[in-house]
Amino acid sequence: VQLVESGGGLVQAGGSLRLSCAASGSTFSFIVMGWYRQAPGKQRELVAIISRGGGINYAEAVKGRFAISRENAKNEVYLQMNSLTPEDTAVYYCHASTSLSNIYWGQGTQVTVSS
């Protein structure tokens, strides 16, 4: 299974970015897809996840600013990030799972927010 992210970059505080992730190589449906992030010196943390049926969970820090969506037919997941702050600076990782034990990660895409 391969997850390929795109859309990271450098943006000023208050700006927006849209991340995309395309998953391929699985014969099973991706039950959950989403995004995690890891800032320097910190542990990887949940940003947002979405189930195949559309159930969504956001981290408190991004509620009201980020929006996750997915296209099941394409096995793609997206993260629209608005009102970005320097605290959002991190490497963002795409996540997908076909079961509790089959979890996959992308290579990560850097998001840098300047003040």
PDB file of N, CA and C in Angstrom:
ATOM      1  N   VAL A   1       0.845  -1.181   0.000  1.00  0.00           N
ATOM      2  CA  VAL A   1       0.000   0.000   0.000  1.00  0.00           C
ATOM      3  C   VAL A   1       0.888   1.241   0.000  1.00  0.00           C
ATOM      4  N   GLN A   2       0.526   2.205  -0.806  1.00  0.00           N
ATOM      5  CA  GLN A   2       1.304   3.443  -0.908  1.00  0.00           C
ATOM      6  C   GLN A   2       0.392   4.640  -0.698  1.00  0.00           C
ATOM      7  N   LEU A   3       0.860   5.557   0.118  1.00  0.00           N
ATOM      8  CA  LEU A   3       0.148   6.811   0.347  1.00  0.00           C
ATOM      9  C   LEU A   3       1.048   7.943  -0.124  1.00  0.00           C
ATOM     10  N   VAL A   4       0.538   8.783  -0.998  1.00  0.00           N
ATOM     11  CA  VAL A   4       1.329   9.876  -1.555  1.00  0.00           C
ATOM     12  C   VAL A   4       0.651  11.193  -1.222  1.00  0.00           C
ATOM     13  N   GLU A   5       1.363  12.017  -0.436  1.00  0.00           N
ATOM     14  CA  GLU A   5       0.825  13.313  -0.026  1.00  0.00           C
ATOM     15  C   GLU A   5       1.304  14.425  -0.935  1.00  0.00           C
ATOM     16  N   SER A   6       0.532  15.479  -0.984  1.00  0.00           N
ATOM     17  CA  SER A   6       0.935  16.685  -1.702  1.00  0.00           C
ATOM     18  C   SER A   6       0.236  17.886  -1.079  1.00  0.00           C
ATOM     19  N   GLY A   7       0.782  19.073  -1.356  1.00  0.00           N
ATOM     20  CA  GLY A   7       0.110  20.287  -0.940  1.00  0.00           C
ATOM     21  C   GLY A   7       0.753  21.043   0.200  1.00  0.00           C
ATOM     22  N   GLY A   8       1.799  20.513   0.797  1.00  0.00           N
ATOM     23  CA  GLY A   8       2.458  21.240   1.864  1.00  0.00           C
ATOM     24  C   GLY A   8       3.224  22.433   1.324  1.00  0.00           C
ATOM     25  N   GLY A   9       3.784  23.221   2.243  1.00  0.00           N
ATOM     26  CA  GLY A   9       4.560  24.377   1.814  1.00  0.00           C
ATOM     27  C   GLY A   9       4.685  25.416   2.890  1.00  0.00           C
ATOM     28  N   LEU A  10       5.087  26.604   2.479  1.00  0.00           N
ATOM     29  CA  LEU A  10       5.285  27.730   3.381  1.00  0.00           C
ATOM     30  C   LEU A  10       4.157  28.728   3.176  1.00  0.00           C
ATOM     31  N   VAL A  11       3.572  29.167   4.281  1.00  0.00           N
ATOM     32  CA  VAL A  11       2.470  30.117   4.207  1.00  0.00           C
ATOM     33  C   VAL A  11       2.568  31.069   5.392  1.00  0.00           C
ATOM     34  N   GLN A  12       2.084  32.260   5.225  1.00  0.00           N
ATOM     35  CA  GLN A  12       2.060  33.225   6.322  1.00  0.00           C
ATOM     36  C   GLN A  12       0.905  32.930   7.271  1.00  0.00           C
ATOM     37  N   ALA A  13       1.071  33.354   8.494  1.00  0.00           N
ATOM     38  CA  ALA A  13       0.010  33.192   9.484  1.00  0.00           C
ATOM     39  C   ALA A  13      -1.286  33.811   8.963  1.00  0.00           C
ATOM     40  N   GLY A  14      -2.375  33.078   9.174  1.00  0.00           N
ATOM     41  CA  GLY A  14      -3.662  33.517   8.669  1.00  0.00           C
ATOM     42  C   GLY A  14      -4.004  32.962   7.301  1.00  0.00           C
ATOM     43  N   GLY A  15      -3.027  32.353   6.664  1.00  0.00           N
ATOM     44  CA  GLY A  15      -3.228  31.811   5.335  1.00  0.00           C
ATOM     45  C   GLY A  15      -3.837  30.426   5.341  1.00  0.00           C
ATOM     46  N   SER A  16      -3.929  29.855   4.146  1.00  0.00           N
ATOM     47  CA  SER A  16      -4.565  28.552   3.967  1.00  0.00           C
ATOM     48  C   SER A  16      -3.689  27.641   3.116  1.00  0.00           C
ATOM     49  N   LEU A  17      -3.845  26.361   3.356  1.00  0.00           N
ATOM     50  CA  LEU A  17      -3.231  25.318   2.530  1.00  0.00           C
ATOM     51  C   LEU A  17      -4.211  24.156   2.430  1.00  0.00           C
ATOM     52  N   ARG A  18      -4.079  23.419   1.346  1.00  0.00           N
ATOM     53  CA  ARG A  18      -4.887  22.212   1.164  1.00  0.00           C
ATOM     54  C   ARG A  18      -3.968  21.033   0.911  1.00  0.00           C
ATOM     55  N   LEU A  19      -4.052  20.037   1.776  1.00  0.00           N
ATOM     56  CA  LEU A  19      -3.269  18.818   1.615  1.00  0.00           C
ATOM     57  C   LEU A  19      -4.115  17.745   0.929  1.00  0.00           C
ATOM     58  N   SER A  20      -3.455  16.952   0.120  1.00  0.00           N
ATOM     59  CA  SER A  20      -4.113  15.830  -0.541  1.00  0.00           C
ATOM     60  C   SER A  20      -3.296  14.572  -0.317  1.00  0.00           C
ATOM     61  N   CYS A  21      -3.988  13.442  -0.293  1.00  0.00           N
ATOM     62  CA  CYS A  21      -3.314  12.153  -0.142  1.00  0.00           C
ATOM     63  C   CYS A  21      -4.036  11.127  -1.000  1.00  0.00           C
ATOM     64  N   ALA A  22      -3.280  10.443  -1.833  1.00  0.00           N
ATOM     65  CA  ALA A  22      -3.826   9.386  -2.678  1.00  0.00           C
ATOM     66  C   ALA A  22      -3.287   8.050  -2.207  1.00  0.00           C
ATOM     67  N   ALA A  23      -4.184   7.125  -1.920  1.00  0.00           N
ATOM     68  CA  ALA A  23      -3.813   5.793  -1.455  1.00  0.00           C
ATOM     69  C   ALA A  23      -4.012   4.786  -2.574  1.00  0.00           C
ATOM     70  N   SER A  24      -3.090   3.843  -2.657  1.00  0.00           N
ATOM     71  CA  SER A  24      -3.204   2.821  -3.694  1.00  0.00           C
ATOM     72  C   SER A  24      -2.589   1.519  -3.206  1.00  0.00           C
ATOM     73  N   GLY A  25      -2.919   0.447  -3.911  1.00  0.00           N
ATOM     74  CA  GLY A  25      -2.271  -0.832  -3.640  1.00  0.00           C
ATOM     75  C   GLY A  25      -2.983  -1.762  -2.686  1.00  0.00           C
ATOM     76  N   SER A  26      -4.168  -1.383  -2.213  1.00  0.00           N
ATOM     77  CA  SER A  26      -4.894  -2.248  -1.282  1.00  0.00           C
ATOM     78  C   SER A  26      -6.074  -2.907  -1.984  1.00  0.00           C
ATOM     79  N   THR A  27      -6.289  -4.177  -1.675  1.00  0.00           N
ATOM     80  CA  THR A  27      -7.463  -4.861  -2.214  1.00  0.00           C
ATOM     81  C   THR A  27      -8.662  -4.689  -1.293  1.00  0.00           C
ATOM     82  N   PHE A  28      -8.423  -4.098  -0.132  1.00  0.00           N
ATOM     83  CA  PHE A  28      -9.487  -3.856   0.832  1.00  0.00           C
ATOM     84  C   PHE A  28      -9.801  -2.371   0.903  1.00  0.00           C
ATOM     85  N   SER A  29     -10.993  -2.044   1.338  1.00  0.00           N
ATOM     86  CA  SER A  29     -11.373  -0.644   1.489  1.00  0.00           C
ATOM     87  C   SER A  29     -10.641  -0.036   2.678  1.00  0.00           C
ATOM     88  N   PHE A  30     -10.336   1.241   2.559  1.00  0.00           N
ATOM     89  CA  PHE A  30      -9.730   1.965   3.657  1.00  0.00           C
ATOM     90  C   PHE A  30     -10.841   2.423   4.599  1.00  0.00           C
ATOM     91  N   ILE A  31     -10.876   1.791   5.765  1.00  0.00           N
ATOM     92  CA  ILE A  31     -11.944   2.077   6.715  1.00  0.00           C
ATOM     93  C   ILE A  31     -11.820   3.500   7.249  1.00  0.00           C
ATOM     94  N   VAL A  32     -10.619   3.863   7.604  1.00  0.00           N
ATOM     95  CA  VAL A  32     -10.348   5.197   8.139  1.00  0.00           C
ATOM     96  C   VAL A  32      -9.187   5.808   7.363  1.00  0.00           C
ATOM     97  N   MET A  33      -9.320   7.074   7.042  1.00  0.00           N
ATOM     98  CA  MET A  33      -8.226   7.843   6.448  1.00  0.00           C
ATOM     99  C   MET A  33      -8.113   9.155   7.212  1.00  0.00           C
ATOM    100  N   GLY A  34      -6.936   9.717   7.191  1.00  0.00           N
ATOM    101  CA  GLY A  34      -6.823  10.970   7.928  1.00  0.00           C
ATOM    102  C   GLY A  34      -5.428  11.538   7.924  1.00  0.00           C
ATOM    103  N   TRP A  35      -5.233  12.453   8.874  1.00  0.00           N
ATOM    104  CA  TRP A  35      -3.987  13.202   8.955  1.00  0.00           C
ATOM    105  C   TRP A  35      -3.499  13.278  10.402  1.00  0.00           C
ATOM    106  N   TYR A  36      -2.217  13.086  10.548  1.00  0.00           N
ATOM    107  CA  TYR A  36      -1.514  13.305  11.802  1.00  0.00           C
ATOM    108  C   TYR A  36      -0.399  14.311  11.518  1.00  0.00           C
ATOM    109  N   ARG A  37       0.157  14.881  12.564  1.00  0.00           N
ATOM    110  CA  ARG A  37       1.280  15.789  12.380  1.00  0.00           C
ATOM    111  C   ARG A  37       2.299  15.618  13.499  1.00  0.00           C
ATOM    112  N   GLN A  38       3.527  15.988  13.177  1.00  0.00           N
ATOM    113  CA  GLN A  38       4.600  15.906  14.160  1.00  0.00           C
ATOM    114  C   GLN A  38       5.466  17.145  14.048  1.00  0.00           C
ATOM    115  N   ALA A  39       5.467  17.923  15.114  1.00  0.00           N
ATOM    116  CA  ALA A  39       6.308  19.112  15.184  1.00  0.00           C
ATOM    117  C   ALA A  39       7.660  18.731  15.769  1.00  0.00           C
ATOM    118  N   PRO A  40       8.696  19.521  15.522  1.00  0.00           N
ATOM    119  CA  PRO A  40      10.029  19.207  16.060  1.00  0.00           C
ATOM    120  C   PRO A  40      10.001  19.045  17.575  1.00  0.00           C
ATOM    121  N   GLY A  41      10.569  17.950  18.048  1.00  0.00           N
ATOM    122  CA  GLY A  41      10.647  17.711  19.482  1.00  0.00           C
ATOM    123  C   GLY A  41       9.359  17.234  20.118  1.00  0.00           C
ATOM    124  N   LYS A  42       8.335  16.982  19.305  1.00  0.00           N
ATOM    125  CA  LYS A  42       7.046  16.552  19.849  1.00  0.00           C
ATOM    126  C   LYS A  42       6.644  15.219  19.255  1.00  0.00           C
ATOM    127  N   GLN A  43       5.698  14.564  19.917  1.00  0.00           N
ATOM    128  CA  GLN A  43       5.174  13.299  19.409  1.00  0.00           C
ATOM    129  C   GLN A  43       4.184  13.543  18.272  1.00  0.00           C
ATOM    130  N   ARG A  44       4.035  12.529  17.458  1.00  0.00           N
ATOM    131  CA  ARG A  44       3.035  12.600  16.401  1.00  0.00           C
ATOM    132  C   ARG A  44       1.647  12.659  17.033  1.00  0.00           C
ATOM    133  N   GLU A  45       0.790  13.532  16.495  1.00  0.00           N
ATOM    134  CA  GLU A  45      -0.538  13.705  17.069  1.00  0.00           C
ATOM    135  C   GLU A  45      -1.611  13.701  15.990  1.00  0.00           C
ATOM    136  N   LEU A  46      -2.782  13.308  16.397  1.00  0.00           N
ATOM    137  CA  LEU A  46      -3.928  13.302  15.496  1.00  0.00           C
ATOM    138  C   LEU A  46      -4.285  14.727  15.105  1.00  0.00           C
ATOM    139  N   VAL A  47      -4.596  14.912  13.830  1.00  0.00           N
ATOM    140  CA  VAL A  47      -5.161  16.177  13.357  1.00  0.00           C
ATOM    141  C   VAL A  47      -6.644  15.971  13.046  1.00  0.00           C
ATOM    142  N   ALA A  48      -6.913  15.018  12.156  1.00  0.00           N
ATOM    143  CA  ALA A  48      -8.298  14.732  11.790  1.00  0.00           C
ATOM    144  C   ALA A  48      -8.353  13.384  11.102  1.00  0.00           C
ATOM    145  N   ILE A  49      -9.430  12.651  11.358  1.00  0.00           N
ATOM    146  CA  ILE A  49      -9.654  11.386  10.672  1.00  0.00           C
ATOM    147  C   ILE A  49     -11.104  11.321  10.204  1.00  0.00           C
ATOM    148  N   ILE A  50     -11.314  10.545   9.156  1.00  0.00           N
ATOM    149  CA  ILE A  50     -12.657  10.403   8.594  1.00  0.00           C
ATOM    150  C   ILE A  50     -12.869   8.951   8.213  1.00  0.00           C
ATOM    151  N   SER A  51     -14.015   8.418   8.586  1.00  0.00           N
ATOM    152  CA  SER A  51     -14.325   7.032   8.252  1.00  0.00           C
ATOM    153  C   SER A  51     -14.901   6.944   6.836  1.00  0.00           C
ATOM    154  N   ARG A  52     -14.973   5.738   6.348  1.00  0.00           N
ATOM    155  CA  ARG A  52     -15.518   5.522   5.016  1.00  0.00           C
ATOM    156  C   ARG A  52     -16.966   6.011   4.940  1.00  0.00           C
ATOM    157  N   GLY A  53     -17.669   5.928   6.045  1.00  0.00           N
ATOM    158  CA  GLY A  53     -19.053   6.373   6.088  1.00  0.00           C
ATOM    159  C   GLY A  53     -19.228   7.856   6.335  1.00  0.00           C
ATOM    160  N   GLY A  54     -18.115   8.566   6.576  1.00  0.00           N
ATOM    161  CA  GLY A  54     -18.188  10.012   6.723  1.00  0.00           C
ATOM    162  C   GLY A  54     -18.084  10.523   8.148  1.00  0.00           C
ATOM    163  N   GLY A  55     -17.934   9.632   9.122  1.00  0.00           N
ATOM    164  CA  GLY A  55     -17.741  10.076  10.485  1.00  0.00           C
ATOM    165  C   GLY A  55     -16.390  10.764  10.639  1.00  0.00           C
ATOM    166  N   ILE A  56     -16.359  11.890  11.355  1.00  0.00           N
ATOM    167  CA  ILE A  56     -15.157  12.724  11.440  1.00  0.00           C
ATOM    168  C   ILE A  56     -14.783  12.994  12.895  1.00  0.00           C
ATOM    169  N   ASN A  57     -13.490  13.032  13.134  1.00  0.00           N
ATOM    170  CA  ASN A  57     -12.963  13.399  14.438  1.00  0.00           C
ATOM    171  C   ASN A  57     -11.827  14.388  14.232  1.00  0.00           C
ATOM    172  N   TYR A  58     -11.901  15.526  14.920  1.00  0.00           N
ATOM    173  CA  TYR A  58     -10.858  16.552  14.834  1.00  0.00           C
ATOM    174  C   TYR A  58     -10.149  16.706  16.171  1.00  0.00           C
ATOM    175  N   ALA A  59      -8.885  17.054  16.119  1.00  0.00           N
ATOM    176  CA  ALA A  59      -8.198  17.496  17.316  1.00  0.00           C
ATOM    177  C   ALA A  59      -8.780  18.846  17.731  1.00  0.00           C
ATOM    178  N   GLU A  60      -8.830  19.068  19.041  1.00  0.00           N
ATOM    179  CA  GLU A  60      -9.393  20.325  19.534  1.00  0.00           C
ATOM    180  C   GLU A  60      -8.676  21.543  18.952  1.00  0.00           C
ATOM    181  N   ALA A  61      -7.382  21.425  18.744  1.00  0.00           N
ATOM    182  CA  ALA A  61      -6.585  22.566  18.295  1.00  0.00           C
ATOM    183  C   ALA A  61      -6.935  23.035  16.885  1.00  0.00           C
ATOM    184  N   VAL A  62      -7.605  22.176  16.104  1.00  0.00           N
ATOM    185  CA  VAL A  62      -7.880  22.544  14.714  1.00  0.00           C
ATOM    186  C   VAL A  62      -9.361  22.687  14.419  1.00  0.00           C
ATOM    187  N   LYS A  63     -10.204  22.393  15.397  1.00  0.00           N
ATOM    188  CA  LYS A  63     -11.650  22.502  15.183  1.00  0.00           C
ATOM    189  C   LYS A  63     -12.023  23.922  14.765  1.00  0.00           C
ATOM    190  N   GLY A  64     -12.846  24.007  13.744  1.00  0.00           N
ATOM    191  CA  GLY A  64     -13.291  25.304  13.246  1.00  0.00           C
ATOM    192  C   GLY A  64     -12.351  25.934  12.236  1.00  0.00           C
ATOM    193  N   ARG A  65     -11.149  25.374  12.098  1.00  0.00           N
ATOM    194  CA  ARG A  65     -10.179  25.935  11.150  1.00  0.00           C
ATOM    195  C   ARG A  65      -9.844  24.955  10.026  1.00  0.00           C
ATOM    196  N   PHE A  66      -9.816  23.670  10.335  1.00  0.00           N
ATOM    197  CA  PHE A  66      -9.464  22.641   9.359  1.00  0.00           C
ATOM    198  C   PHE A  66     -10.720  21.859   8.977  1.00  0.00           C
ATOM    199  N   ALA A  67     -10.729  21.357   7.747  1.00  0.00           N
ATOM    200  CA  ALA A  67     -11.825  20.518   7.293  1.00  0.00           C
ATOM    201  C   ALA A  67     -11.270  19.327   6.528  1.00  0.00           C
ATOM    202  N   ILE A  68     -11.679  18.134   6.936  1.00  0.00           N
ATOM    203  CA  ILE A  68     -11.234  16.914   6.273  1.00  0.00           C
ATOM    204  C   ILE A  68     -12.348  16.388   5.385  1.00  0.00           C
ATOM    205  N   SER A  69     -11.974  15.818   4.263  1.00  0.00           N
ATOM    206  CA  SER A  69     -12.938  15.191   3.360  1.00  0.00           C
ATOM    207  C   SER A  69     -12.244  14.053   2.631  1.00  0.00           C
ATOM    208  N   ARG A  70     -13.039  13.200   2.000  1.00  0.00           N
ATOM    209  CA  ARG A  70     -12.462  12.084   1.250  1.00  0.00           C
ATOM    210  C   ARG A  70     -13.347  11.724   0.068  1.00  0.00           C
ATOM    211  N   GLU A  71     -12.717  11.129  -0.914  1.00  0.00           N
ATOM    212  CA  GLU A  71     -13.437  10.573  -2.060  1.00  0.00           C
ATOM    213  C   GLU A  71     -13.171   9.071  -2.067  1.00  0.00           C
ATOM    214  N   ASN A  72     -14.143   8.304  -1.636  1.00  0.00           N
ATOM    215  CA  ASN A  72     -13.961   6.861  -1.503  1.00  0.00           C
ATOM    216  C   ASN A  72     -13.617   6.198  -2.839  1.00  0.00           C
ATOM    217  N   ALA A  73     -14.241   6.650  -3.896  1.00  0.00           N
ATOM    218  CA  ALA A  73     -14.014   6.020  -5.198  1.00  0.00           C
ATOM    219  C   ALA A  73     -12.573   6.181  -5.660  1.00  0.00           C
ATOM    220  N   LYS A  74     -11.938   7.267  -5.211  1.00  0.00           N
ATOM    221  CA  LYS A  74     -10.552   7.539  -5.610  1.00  0.00           C
ATOM    222  C   LYS A  74      -9.548   7.144  -4.534  1.00  0.00           C
ATOM    223  N   ASN A  75     -10.033   6.743  -3.367  1.00  0.00           N
ATOM    224  CA  ASN A  75      -9.144   6.481  -2.228  1.00  0.00           C
ATOM    225  C   ASN A  75      -8.267   7.696  -1.931  1.00  0.00           C
ATOM    226  N   GLU A  76      -8.886   8.836  -1.903  1.00  0.00           N
ATOM    227  CA  GLU A  76      -8.166  10.076  -1.620  1.00  0.00           C
ATOM    228  C   GLU A  76      -8.773  10.776  -0.406  1.00  0.00           C
ATOM    229  N   VAL A  77      -7.912  11.432   0.335  1.00  0.00           N
ATOM    230  CA  VAL A  77      -8.341  12.202   1.497  1.00  0.00           C
ATOM    231  C   VAL A  77      -7.695  13.576   1.411  1.00  0.00           C
ATOM    232  N   TYR A  78      -8.418  14.573   1.900  1.00  0.00           N
ATOM    233  CA  TYR A  78      -7.973  15.961   1.787  1.00  0.00           C
ATOM    234  C   TYR A  78      -8.057  16.650   3.146  1.00  0.00           C
ATOM    235  N   LEU A  79      -7.240  17.663   3.310  1.00  0.00           N
ATOM    236  CA  LEU A  79      -7.301  18.468   4.522  1.00  0.00           C
ATOM    237  C   LEU A  79      -7.201  19.934   4.131  1.00  0.00           C
ATOM    238  N   GLN A  80      -8.290  20.652   4.274  1.00  0.00           N
ATOM    239  CA  GLN A  80      -8.298  22.089   4.038  1.00  0.00           C
ATOM    240  C   GLN A  80      -7.946  22.775   5.345  1.00  0.00           C
ATOM    241  N   MET A  81      -6.878  23.539   5.331  1.00  0.00           N
ATOM    242  CA  MET A  81      -6.387  24.190   6.540  1.00  0.00           C
ATOM    243  C   MET A  81      -6.495  25.700   6.373  1.00  0.00           C
ATOM    244  N   ASN A  82      -7.297  26.308   7.205  1.00  0.00           N
ATOM    245  CA  ASN A  82      -7.509  27.761   7.167  1.00  0.00           C
ATOM    246  C   ASN A  82      -7.033  28.403   8.463  1.00  0.00           C
ATOM    247  N   SER A  83      -6.844  29.697   8.418  1.00  0.00           N
ATOM    248  CA  SER A  83      -6.426  30.460   9.613  1.00  0.00           C
ATOM    249  C   SER A  83      -5.217  29.817  10.282  1.00  0.00           C
ATOM    250  N   LEU A  84      -4.236  29.490   9.478  1.00  0.00           N
ATOM    251  CA  LEU A  84      -3.053  28.806   9.992  1.00  0.00           C
ATOM    252  C   LEU A  84      -2.260  29.709  10.935  1.00  0.00           C
ATOM    253  N   THR A  85      -1.662  29.094  11.936  1.00  0.00           N
ATOM    254  CA  THR A  85      -0.814  29.789  12.906  1.00  0.00           C
ATOM    255  C   THR A  85       0.546  29.101  12.938  1.00  0.00           C
ATOM    256  N   PRO A  86       1.559  29.772  13.481  1.00  0.00           N
ATOM    257  CA  PRO A  86       2.877  29.128  13.572  1.00  0.00           C
ATOM    258  C   PRO A  86       2.840  27.814  14.349  1.00  0.00           C
ATOM    259  N   GLU A  87       1.874  27.662  15.243  1.00  0.00           N
ATOM    260  CA  GLU A  87       1.754  26.415  15.999  1.00  0.00           C
ATOM    261  C   GLU A  87       1.317  25.240  15.130  1.00  0.00           C
ATOM    262  N   ASP A  88       0.850  25.507  13.945  1.00  0.00           N
ATOM    263  CA  ASP A  88       0.479  24.442  13.010  1.00  0.00           C
ATOM    264  C   ASP A  88       1.679  23.919  12.223  1.00  0.00           C
ATOM    265  N   THR A  89       2.823  24.540  12.387  1.00  0.00           N
ATOM    266  CA  THR A  89       4.022  24.098  11.687  1.00  0.00           C
ATOM    267  C   THR A  89       4.408  22.691  12.126  1.00  0.00           C
ATOM    268  N   ALA A  90       4.527  21.795  11.153  1.00  0.00           N
ATOM    269  CA  ALA A  90       4.822  20.391  11.440  1.00  0.00           C
ATOM    270  C   ALA A  90       4.958  19.635  10.130  1.00  0.00           C
ATOM    271  N   VAL A  91       5.410  18.406  10.249  1.00  0.00           N
ATOM    272  CA  VAL A  91       5.306  17.476   9.128  1.00  0.00           C
ATOM    273  C   VAL A  91       3.953  16.778   9.254  1.00  0.00           C
ATOM    274  N   TYR A  92       3.182  16.827   8.193  1.00  0.00           N
ATOM    275  CA  TYR A  92       1.841  16.239   8.189  1.00  0.00           C
ATOM    276  C   TYR A  92       1.889  14.898   7.464  1.00  0.00           C
ATOM    277  N   TYR A  93       1.365  13.880   8.131  1.00  0.00           N
ATOM    278  CA  TYR A  93       1.398  12.514   7.608  1.00  0.00           C
ATOM    279  C   TYR A  93      -0.016  12.039   7.284  1.00  0.00           C
ATOM    280  N   CYS A  94      -0.149  11.497   6.108  1.00  0.00           N
ATOM    281  CA  CYS A  94      -1.404  10.841   5.724  1.00  0.00           C
ATOM    282  C   CYS A  94      -1.463   9.462   6.383  1.00  0.00           C
ATOM    283  N   HIS A  95      -2.654   9.079   6.787  1.00  0.00           N
ATOM    284  CA  HIS A  95      -2.880   7.811   7.496  1.00  0.00           C
ATOM    285  C   HIS A  95      -4.047   7.097   6.836  1.00  0.00           C
ATOM    286  N   ALA A  96      -3.928   5.798   6.707  1.00  0.00           N
ATOM    287  CA  ALA A  96      -5.042   5.002   6.190  1.00  0.00           C
ATOM    288  C   ALA A  96      -4.989   3.620   6.812  1.00  0.00           C
ATOM    289  N   SER A  97      -6.155   3.054   7.063  1.00  0.00           N
ATOM    290  CA  SER A  97      -6.189   1.717   7.649  1.00  0.00           C
ATOM    291  C   SER A  97      -7.304   0.907   7.022  1.00  0.00           C
ATOM    292  N   THR A  98      -7.008  -0.388   6.843  1.00  0.00           N
ATOM    293  CA  THR A  98      -8.017  -1.314   6.349  1.00  0.00           C
ATOM    294  C   THR A  98      -8.552  -2.191   7.467  1.00  0.00           C
ATOM    295  N   SER A  99      -7.903  -2.150   8.611  1.00  0.00           N
ATOM    296  CA  SER A  99      -8.350  -2.850   9.803  1.00  0.00           C
ATOM    297  C   SER A  99      -7.576  -2.274  10.979  1.00  0.00           C
ATOM    298  N   LEU A 100      -7.867  -2.783  12.181  1.00  0.00           N
ATOM    299  CA  LEU A 100      -7.151  -2.276  13.357  1.00  0.00           C
ATOM    300  C   LEU A 100      -5.669  -2.604  13.297  1.00  0.00           C
ATOM    301  N   SER A 101      -5.303  -3.637  12.563  1.00  0.00           N
ATOM    302  CA  SER A 101      -3.901  -4.043  12.534  1.00  0.00           C
ATOM    303  C   SER A 101      -3.186  -3.674  11.248  1.00  0.00           C
ATOM    304  N   ASN A 102      -3.913  -3.230  10.256  1.00  0.00           N
ATOM    305  CA  ASN A 102      -3.295  -2.843   8.981  1.00  0.00           C
ATOM    306  C   ASN A 102      -3.389  -1.342   8.815  1.00  0.00           C
ATOM    307  N   ILE A 103      -2.308  -0.680   9.239  1.00  0.00           N
ATOM    308  CA  ILE A 103      -2.253   0.780   9.253  1.00  0.00           C
ATOM    309  C   ILE A 103      -1.092   1.228   8.382  1.00  0.00           C
ATOM    310  N   TYR A 104      -1.326   2.247   7.582  1.00  0.00           N
ATOM    311  CA  TYR A 104      -0.331   2.710   6.627  1.00  0.00           C
ATOM    312  C   TYR A 104      -0.117   4.208   6.781  1.00  0.00           C
ATOM    313  N   TRP A 105       1.112   4.630   6.446  1.00  0.00           N
ATOM    314  CA  TRP A 105       1.488   6.029   6.573  1.00  0.00           C
ATOM    315  C   TRP A 105       2.132   6.535   5.284  1.00  0.00           C
ATOM    316  N   GLY A 106       1.912   7.807   4.994  1.00  0.00           N
ATOM    317  CA  GLY A 106       2.631   8.454   3.918  1.00  0.00           C
ATOM    318  C   GLY A 106       4.007   8.882   4.379  1.00  0.00           C
ATOM    319  N   GLN A 107       4.747   9.483   3.470  1.00  0.00           N
ATOM    320  CA  GLN A 107       6.119   9.875   3.778  1.00  0.00           C
ATOM    321  C   GLN A 107       6.181  11.220   4.512  1.00  0.00           C
ATOM    322  N   GLY A 108       5.085  11.934   4.528  1.00  0.00           N
ATOM    323  CA  GLY A 108       5.017  13.215   5.217  1.00  0.00           C
ATOM    324  C   GLY A 108       5.235  14.394   4.286  1.00  0.00           C
ATOM    325  N   THR A 109       4.554  15.479   4.597  1.00  0.00           N
ATOM    326  CA  THR A 109       4.726  16.715   3.842  1.00  0.00           C
ATOM    327  C   THR A 109       4.868  17.873   4.835  1.00  0.00           C
ATOM    328  N   GLN A 110       5.848  18.719   4.592  1.00  0.00           N
ATOM    329  CA  GLN A 110       6.153  19.800   5.530  1.00  0.00           C
ATOM    330  C   GLN A 110       5.181  20.958   5.344  1.00  0.00           C
ATOM    331  N   VAL A 111       4.644  21.423   6.462  1.00  0.00           N
ATOM    332  CA  VAL A 111       3.840  22.645   6.487  1.00  0.00           C
ATOM    333  C   VAL A 111       4.540  23.620   7.422  1.00  0.00           C
ATOM    334  N   THR A 112       4.888  24.778   6.907  1.00  0.00           N
ATOM    335  CA  THR A 112       5.559  25.799   7.703  1.00  0.00           C
ATOM    336  C   THR A 112       4.746  27.080   7.650  1.00  0.00           C
ATOM    337  N   VAL A 113       4.396  27.587   8.829  1.00  0.00           N
ATOM    338  CA  VAL A 113       3.614  28.813   8.921  1.00  0.00           C
ATOM    339  C   VAL A 113       4.489  29.884   9.558  1.00  0.00           C
ATOM    340  N   SER A 114       4.720  30.945   8.830  1.00  0.00           N
ATOM    341  CA  SER A 114       5.572  32.033   9.329  1.00  0.00           C
ATOM    342  C   SER A 114       4.715  33.097  10.012  1.00  0.00           C
ATOM    343  N   SER A 115       5.309  33.713  11.018  1.00  0.00           N
ATOM    344  CA  SER A 115       4.551  34.737  11.769  1.00  0.00           C
ATOM    345  C   SER A 115       4.727  36.121  11.169  1.00  0.00           C
TER     346      SER A 115
END
